[in-house]
Amino acid sequence: MAVEHAIDLDLPPAGAVSALRLTAEDWGAELQENGTGGQLHLPVLAGLRRGLVSGPVEIRPATGGSRLIFRPETAIYYVQTQAVMVLLLDRKSV
């Protein structure tokens, strides 16, 4: 079963696309637009790991505005080795 994240917005679909574009830019994400949606590449931080979650995003008309739906398809993570080294060095000094 695929994971799906959705949010209802009090904006028409065109306004929701614009809001998504600005928010993606503020978060350091990349949005490849395609009509009322596109492909979203979102940088993530999960504990000692950093990565990139990517997948299609679509905006549909909904009652009172629009609904934004993101379906993550790929996730790539790597360990932040500098942080791990600091923890290891701190552990040895105890």
N, C-alpha and C. Protein backbone atom coordinates (compact mmCIF):
# COMPACT_ATOMS: atom_id res chain seq x y z
N MET A 1 0.84 -1.18 0.00
CA MET A 1 0.00 0.00 0.00
C MET A 1 0.88 1.24 0.00
N ALA A 2 0.61 2.14 -0.88
CA ALA A 2 1.42 3.35 -1.02
C ALA A 2 1.05 4.36 0.06
N VAL A 3 2.05 5.10 0.50
CA VAL A 3 1.84 6.17 1.47
C VAL A 3 1.38 7.41 0.73
N GLU A 4 0.45 8.12 1.34
CA GLU A 4 -0.07 9.34 0.72
C GLU A 4 -0.24 10.40 1.80
N HIS A 5 0.26 11.59 1.53
CA HIS A 5 0.10 12.72 2.45
C HIS A 5 -0.78 13.74 1.76
N ALA A 6 -1.81 14.23 2.44
CA ALA A 6 -2.73 15.17 1.83
C ALA A 6 -3.04 16.31 2.79
N ILE A 7 -3.31 17.47 2.22
CA ILE A 7 -3.70 18.63 2.99
C ILE A 7 -4.73 19.42 2.19
N ASP A 8 -5.76 19.89 2.88
CA ASP A 8 -6.77 20.71 2.25
C ASP A 8 -6.41 22.17 2.43
N LEU A 9 -6.50 22.94 1.35
CA LEU A 9 -6.13 24.35 1.37
C LEU A 9 -7.34 25.21 1.01
N ASP A 10 -7.41 26.39 1.62
CA ASP A 10 -8.47 27.35 1.31
C ASP A 10 -8.07 28.21 0.13
N LEU A 11 -7.52 27.60 -0.88
CA LEU A 11 -7.06 28.30 -2.08
C LEU A 11 -7.58 27.57 -3.31
N PRO A 12 -7.83 28.30 -4.40
CA PRO A 12 -8.16 27.61 -5.65
C PRO A 12 -6.92 26.85 -6.13
N PRO A 13 -7.08 25.87 -7.01
CA PRO A 13 -5.92 25.09 -7.48
C PRO A 13 -4.75 25.94 -7.98
N ALA A 14 -5.02 27.01 -8.72
CA ALA A 14 -3.92 27.86 -9.22
C ALA A 14 -3.17 28.50 -8.06
N GLY A 15 -3.89 28.93 -7.04
CA GLY A 15 -3.25 29.52 -5.86
C GLY A 15 -2.48 28.48 -5.07
N ALA A 16 -2.99 27.26 -5.03
CA ALA A 16 -2.30 26.18 -4.32
C ALA A 16 -0.98 25.82 -5.01
N VAL A 17 -0.97 25.84 -6.33
CA VAL A 17 0.27 25.58 -7.08
C VAL A 17 1.30 26.65 -6.73
N SER A 18 0.86 27.90 -6.70
CA SER A 18 1.76 29.01 -6.37
C SER A 18 2.29 28.87 -4.94
N ALA A 19 1.41 28.52 -3.99
CA ALA A 19 1.82 28.33 -2.61
C ALA A 19 2.80 27.17 -2.48
N LEU A 20 2.56 26.10 -3.21
CA LEU A 20 3.47 24.95 -3.20
C LEU A 20 4.84 25.34 -3.73
N ARG A 21 4.86 26.09 -4.82
CA ARG A 21 6.12 26.54 -5.41
C ARG A 21 6.93 27.37 -4.41
N LEU A 22 6.27 28.33 -3.74
CA LEU A 22 6.96 29.19 -2.78
C LEU A 22 7.43 28.40 -1.56
N THR A 23 6.60 27.50 -1.07
CA THR A 23 6.97 26.70 0.10
C THR A 23 8.14 25.77 -0.23
N ALA A 24 8.10 25.15 -1.39
CA ALA A 24 9.20 24.27 -1.81
C ALA A 24 10.50 25.06 -1.87
N GLU A 25 10.44 26.26 -2.42
CA GLU A 25 11.63 27.11 -2.51
C GLU A 25 12.14 27.47 -1.12
N ASP A 26 11.24 27.81 -0.19
CA ASP A 26 11.64 28.16 1.17
C ASP A 26 12.29 26.99 1.90
N TRP A 27 11.86 25.76 1.62
CA TRP A 27 12.39 24.58 2.29
C TRP A 27 13.61 24.01 1.60
N GLY A 28 14.04 24.61 0.50
CA GLY A 28 15.19 24.10 -0.23
C GLY A 28 14.84 22.88 -1.07
N ALA A 29 13.56 22.70 -1.37
CA ALA A 29 13.11 21.58 -2.19
C ALA A 29 13.11 21.99 -3.66
N GLU A 30 12.97 20.99 -4.52
CA GLU A 30 12.88 21.25 -5.95
C GLU A 30 11.52 20.75 -6.43
N LEU A 31 10.80 21.60 -7.12
CA LEU A 31 9.50 21.25 -7.67
C LEU A 31 9.58 21.35 -9.18
N GLN A 32 9.35 20.22 -9.84
CA GLN A 32 9.29 20.19 -11.30
C GLN A 32 7.81 20.21 -11.66
N GLU A 33 7.31 21.40 -11.99
CA GLU A 33 5.88 21.59 -12.22
C GLU A 33 5.41 20.94 -13.52
N ASN A 34 4.18 20.46 -13.45
CA ASN A 34 3.53 19.88 -14.61
C ASN A 34 2.03 20.10 -14.44
N GLY A 35 1.52 21.20 -14.96
CA GLY A 35 0.10 21.52 -14.82
C GLY A 35 -0.25 21.81 -13.37
N THR A 36 -1.20 21.04 -12.82
CA THR A 36 -1.59 21.25 -11.42
C THR A 36 -0.90 20.23 -10.51
N GLY A 37 0.38 20.12 -10.64
CA GLY A 37 1.17 19.21 -9.82
C GLY A 37 2.57 19.12 -10.36
N GLY A 38 3.15 17.96 -10.22
CA GLY A 38 4.51 17.75 -10.71
C GLY A 38 5.25 16.76 -9.85
N GLN A 39 6.55 16.89 -9.84
CA GLN A 39 7.44 16.01 -9.09
C GLN A 39 8.12 16.85 -8.01
N LEU A 40 8.03 16.41 -6.76
CA LEU A 40 8.62 17.14 -5.63
C LEU A 40 9.81 16.35 -5.10
N HIS A 41 10.94 17.05 -4.93
CA HIS A 41 12.15 16.48 -4.34
C HIS A 41 12.41 17.26 -3.06
N LEU A 42 12.17 16.62 -1.93
CA LEU A 42 12.16 17.27 -0.63
C LEU A 42 13.33 16.81 0.23
N PRO A 43 14.22 17.74 0.65
CA PRO A 43 15.30 17.35 1.55
C PRO A 43 14.75 17.05 2.94
N VAL A 44 15.28 16.00 3.58
CA VAL A 44 14.80 15.60 4.90
C VAL A 44 15.97 15.36 5.85
N LEU A 45 15.66 15.47 7.13
CA LEU A 45 16.63 15.20 8.20
C LEU A 45 15.94 14.26 9.17
N ALA A 46 16.55 13.11 9.42
CA ALA A 46 15.97 12.10 10.30
C ALA A 46 17.04 11.62 11.26
N GLY A 47 17.13 12.25 12.40
CA GLY A 47 18.16 11.89 13.37
C GLY A 47 19.55 12.17 12.83
N LEU A 48 20.38 11.15 12.73
CA LEU A 48 21.74 11.31 12.20
C LEU A 48 21.79 11.10 10.69
N ARG A 49 20.64 11.00 10.08
CA ARG A 49 20.58 10.78 8.63
C ARG A 49 20.02 12.01 7.92
N ARG A 50 20.53 12.25 6.74
CA ARG A 50 20.00 13.27 5.83
C ARG A 50 19.61 12.55 4.57
N GLY A 51 18.74 13.18 3.81
CA GLY A 51 18.37 12.53 2.58
C GLY A 51 17.44 13.34 1.71
N LEU A 52 16.84 12.64 0.78
CA LEU A 52 15.95 13.25 -0.20
C LEU A 52 14.77 12.31 -0.42
N VAL A 53 13.56 12.84 -0.26
CA VAL A 53 12.34 12.08 -0.53
C VAL A 53 11.72 12.69 -1.78
N SER A 54 11.38 11.86 -2.75
CA SER A 54 10.84 12.34 -4.02
C SER A 54 9.57 11.59 -4.38
N GLY A 55 8.70 12.30 -5.09
CA GLY A 55 7.48 11.67 -5.56
C GLY A 55 6.56 12.68 -6.22
N PRO A 56 5.49 12.18 -6.81
CA PRO A 56 4.56 13.08 -7.48
C PRO A 56 3.70 13.84 -6.48
N VAL A 57 3.37 15.06 -6.84
CA VAL A 57 2.45 15.88 -6.06
C VAL A 57 1.36 16.34 -7.02
N GLU A 58 0.13 16.31 -6.54
CA GLU A 58 -0.96 16.72 -7.41
C GLU A 58 -1.93 17.59 -6.60
N ILE A 59 -2.56 18.52 -7.28
CA ILE A 59 -3.52 19.42 -6.65
C ILE A 59 -4.85 19.24 -7.35
N ARG A 60 -5.86 18.90 -6.55
CA ARG A 60 -7.20 18.66 -7.08
C ARG A 60 -8.16 19.70 -6.52
N PRO A 61 -9.16 20.10 -7.30
CA PRO A 61 -10.20 20.97 -6.76
C PRO A 61 -10.95 20.23 -5.65
N ALA A 62 -11.32 20.95 -4.59
CA ALA A 62 -12.07 20.36 -3.48
C ALA A 62 -13.07 21.39 -2.98
N THR A 63 -14.01 20.94 -2.19
CA THR A 63 -15.00 21.85 -1.63
C THR A 63 -14.30 22.92 -0.79
N GLY A 64 -14.52 24.17 -1.14
CA GLY A 64 -13.92 25.27 -0.38
C GLY A 64 -12.48 25.57 -0.74
N GLY A 65 -11.93 24.97 -1.77
CA GLY A 65 -10.55 25.25 -2.16
C GLY A 65 -9.94 24.14 -2.99
N SER A 66 -8.86 23.55 -2.45
CA SER A 66 -8.18 22.50 -3.19
C SER A 66 -7.54 21.52 -2.21
N ARG A 67 -7.17 20.38 -2.73
CA ARG A 67 -6.51 19.33 -1.94
C ARG A 67 -5.17 19.02 -2.58
N LEU A 68 -4.10 19.11 -1.79
CA LEU A 68 -2.75 18.82 -2.25
C LEU A 68 -2.39 17.41 -1.78
N ILE A 69 -1.94 16.57 -2.70
CA ILE A 69 -1.62 15.17 -2.39
C ILE A 69 -0.18 14.89 -2.82
N PHE A 70 0.63 14.39 -1.86
CA PHE A 70 2.02 14.02 -2.14
C PHE A 70 2.17 12.52 -1.88
N ARG A 71 2.74 11.83 -2.85
CA ARG A 71 2.97 10.38 -2.74
C ARG A 71 4.48 10.10 -2.85
N PRO A 72 5.17 9.96 -1.73
CA PRO A 72 6.60 9.65 -1.79
C PRO A 72 6.84 8.31 -2.48
N GLU A 73 7.74 8.32 -3.45
CA GLU A 73 8.07 7.09 -4.18
C GLU A 73 9.48 6.60 -3.89
N THR A 74 10.40 7.54 -3.72
CA THR A 74 11.79 7.15 -3.43
C THR A 74 12.31 7.96 -2.25
N ALA A 75 13.16 7.32 -1.48
CA ALA A 75 13.83 7.98 -0.36
C ALA A 75 15.28 7.52 -0.34
N ILE A 76 16.17 8.48 -0.31
CA ILE A 76 17.60 8.20 -0.27
C ILE A 76 18.16 8.87 0.98
N TYR A 77 18.79 8.09 1.85
CA TYR A 77 19.37 8.62 3.08
C TYR A 77 20.85 8.30 3.15
N TYR A 78 21.58 9.14 3.86
CA TYR A 78 22.96 8.83 4.18
C TYR A 78 23.23 9.31 5.60
N VAL A 79 24.17 8.67 6.27
CA VAL A 79 24.53 9.02 7.64
C VAL A 79 25.45 10.24 7.62
N GLN A 80 25.19 11.16 8.51
CA GLN A 80 26.05 12.34 8.65
C GLN A 80 27.29 11.92 9.45
N THR A 81 28.34 11.59 8.73
CA THR A 81 29.52 11.01 9.38
C THR A 81 30.18 11.97 10.37
N GLN A 82 30.12 13.26 10.11
CA GLN A 82 30.71 14.21 11.04
C GLN A 82 30.02 14.13 12.41
N ALA A 83 28.71 14.04 12.42
CA ALA A 83 27.98 13.94 13.68
C ALA A 83 28.29 12.64 14.40
N VAL A 84 28.42 11.56 13.66
CA VAL A 84 28.75 10.27 14.26
C VAL A 84 30.15 10.32 14.87
N MET A 85 31.09 10.94 14.18
CA MET A 85 32.46 11.06 14.70
C MET A 85 32.48 11.86 16.00
N VAL A 86 31.72 12.95 16.05
CA VAL A 86 31.66 13.76 17.27
C VAL A 86 31.12 12.92 18.42
N LEU A 87 30.10 12.14 18.18
CA LEU A 87 29.54 11.27 19.22
C LEU A 87 30.52 10.21 19.65
N LEU A 88 31.25 9.61 18.70
CA LEU A 88 32.24 8.60 19.05
C LEU A 88 33.39 9.19 19.85
N LEU A 89 33.86 10.35 19.44
CA LEU A 89 34.96 11.00 20.17
C LEU A 89 34.53 11.41 21.56
N ASP A 90 33.30 11.89 21.69
CA ASP A 90 32.78 12.28 22.99
C ASP A 90 32.67 11.05 23.89
N ARG A 91 32.26 9.93 23.33
CA ARG A 91 32.11 8.69 24.07
C ARG A 91 33.47 8.20 24.60
N LYS A 92 34.53 8.37 23.80
CA LYS A 92 35.86 7.92 24.22
C LYS A 92 36.43 8.79 25.34
N SER A 93 36.00 10.04 25.41
CA SER A 93 36.55 10.94 26.44
C SER A 93 35.90 10.73 27.80
N VAL A 94 34.86 9.90 27.87
CA VAL A 94 34.16 9.66 29.13
C VAL A 94 34.87 8.62 29.94
